[in-house]
Amino acid sequence: MTSLNLVYVYVPPNCTALLWPLHLSVQRTVKEHLRNQLESHFAEVVAKQIQNSEVVKMELSLTKLKQLDAKWLVSSINHLR
């Protein structure tokens, strides 16, 4: 994450209300982008399996999802730029 100039910051208890504007502007955008990426990925996988007359199966192992999530998170960060 340092290559993307991201810095993790500890938020003390009872301070989340101070960060509410960040939630509305940045976090909502990232969540929407991640959701769109997830929906697009699964739609593409299902469409390809249907097109090939295969039984529709989804790979939901954590190993696979973590790889996709990391890729989508980087994509979301680039989307914000």
Protein backbone atom coordinates (compact mmCIF):
# COMPACT_ATOMS: atom_id res chain seq x y z
CA MET A 1 0.00 0.00 0.00
CA THR A 2 2.94 2.33 0.46
CA SER A 3 3.51 2.29 -3.30
CA LEU A 4 0.03 3.82 -3.63
CA ASN A 5 0.85 6.50 -1.03
CA LEU A 6 -1.71 5.10 1.41
CA VAL A 7 -1.19 5.57 5.10
CA TYR A 8 -3.06 3.65 7.78
CA VAL A 9 -4.20 5.86 10.60
CA TYR A 10 -5.44 4.74 13.99
CA VAL A 11 -8.75 6.37 14.89
CA PRO A 12 -9.21 6.73 18.65
CA PRO A 13 -12.50 5.63 20.21
CA ASN A 14 -15.43 8.05 20.02
CA CYS A 15 -13.90 9.98 17.11
CA THR A 16 -15.75 8.37 14.22
CA ALA A 17 -18.29 11.21 14.11
CA LEU A 18 -15.44 13.51 13.14
CA LEU A 19 -14.74 11.31 10.13
CA TRP A 20 -18.34 11.17 8.89
CA PRO A 21 -17.62 13.49 5.91
CA LEU A 22 -14.88 11.08 4.83
CA HIS A 23 -17.39 8.25 4.95
CA LEU A 24 -19.81 10.12 2.73
CA SER A 25 -17.26 11.24 0.17
CA VAL A 26 -14.57 8.55 -0.04
CA GLN A 27 -15.72 5.35 1.59
CA ARG A 28 -19.10 5.31 -0.13
CA THR A 29 -17.41 5.74 -3.51
CA VAL A 30 -14.96 2.92 -2.79
CA LYS A 31 -17.74 0.60 -1.57
CA GLU A 32 -19.83 1.30 -4.67
CA HIS A 33 -16.87 0.67 -6.95
CA LEU A 34 -16.04 -2.61 -5.15
CA ARG A 35 -19.67 -3.73 -5.37
CA ASN A 36 -19.77 -2.96 -9.10
CA GLN A 37 -16.55 -4.89 -9.66
CA LEU A 38 -17.91 -7.89 -7.74
CA GLU A 39 -21.20 -7.88 -9.64
CA SER A 40 -19.44 -7.52 -13.01
CA HIS A 41 -17.03 -10.35 -12.20
CA PHE A 42 -19.74 -12.80 -11.15
CA ALA A 43 -21.99 -11.85 -14.09
CA GLU A 44 -19.09 -12.46 -16.47
CA VAL A 45 -18.27 -15.84 -14.88
CA VAL A 46 -21.91 -16.98 -14.97
CA ALA A 47 -22.44 -15.77 -18.55
CA LYS A 48 -19.32 -17.60 -19.73
CA GLN A 49 -20.42 -20.84 -18.04
CA ILE A 50 -23.94 -20.58 -19.51
CA GLN A 51 -22.51 -19.83 -22.96
CA ASN A 52 -20.34 -22.97 -22.71
CA SER A 53 -23.32 -25.04 -21.48
CA GLU A 54 -21.55 -25.68 -18.20
CA VAL A 55 -23.02 -26.12 -14.76
CA VAL A 56 -22.90 -22.71 -13.10
CA LYS A 57 -20.41 -22.79 -10.24
CA MET A 58 -18.92 -19.90 -8.31
CA GLU A 59 -15.46 -20.02 -6.76
CA LEU A 60 -16.06 -18.61 -3.29
CA SER A 61 -12.93 -19.78 -1.48
CA LEU A 62 -11.19 -17.15 0.60
CA THR A 63 -7.99 -17.70 -1.35
CA LYS A 64 -9.71 -16.69 -4.60
CA LEU A 65 -11.79 -13.89 -3.10
CA LYS A 66 -8.80 -12.31 -1.34
CA GLN A 67 -6.92 -12.10 -4.63
CA LEU A 68 -9.90 -10.49 -6.34
CA ASP A 69 -10.56 -8.16 -3.43
CA ALA A 70 -6.98 -6.88 -3.45
CA LYS A 71 -7.15 -6.31 -7.20
CA TRP A 72 -10.48 -4.51 -6.91
CA LEU A 73 -9.28 -2.38 -4.00
CA VAL A 74 -6.34 -1.12 -6.04
CA SER A 75 -8.72 -0.46 -8.93
CA SER A 76 -11.02 1.49 -6.59
CA ILE A 77 -8.15 3.60 -5.33
CA ASN A 78 -7.11 4.37 -8.89
CA HIS A 79 -10.74 5.24 -9.64
CA LEU A 80 -10.63 7.89 -6.90
CA ARG A 81 -7.64 9.59 -8.47
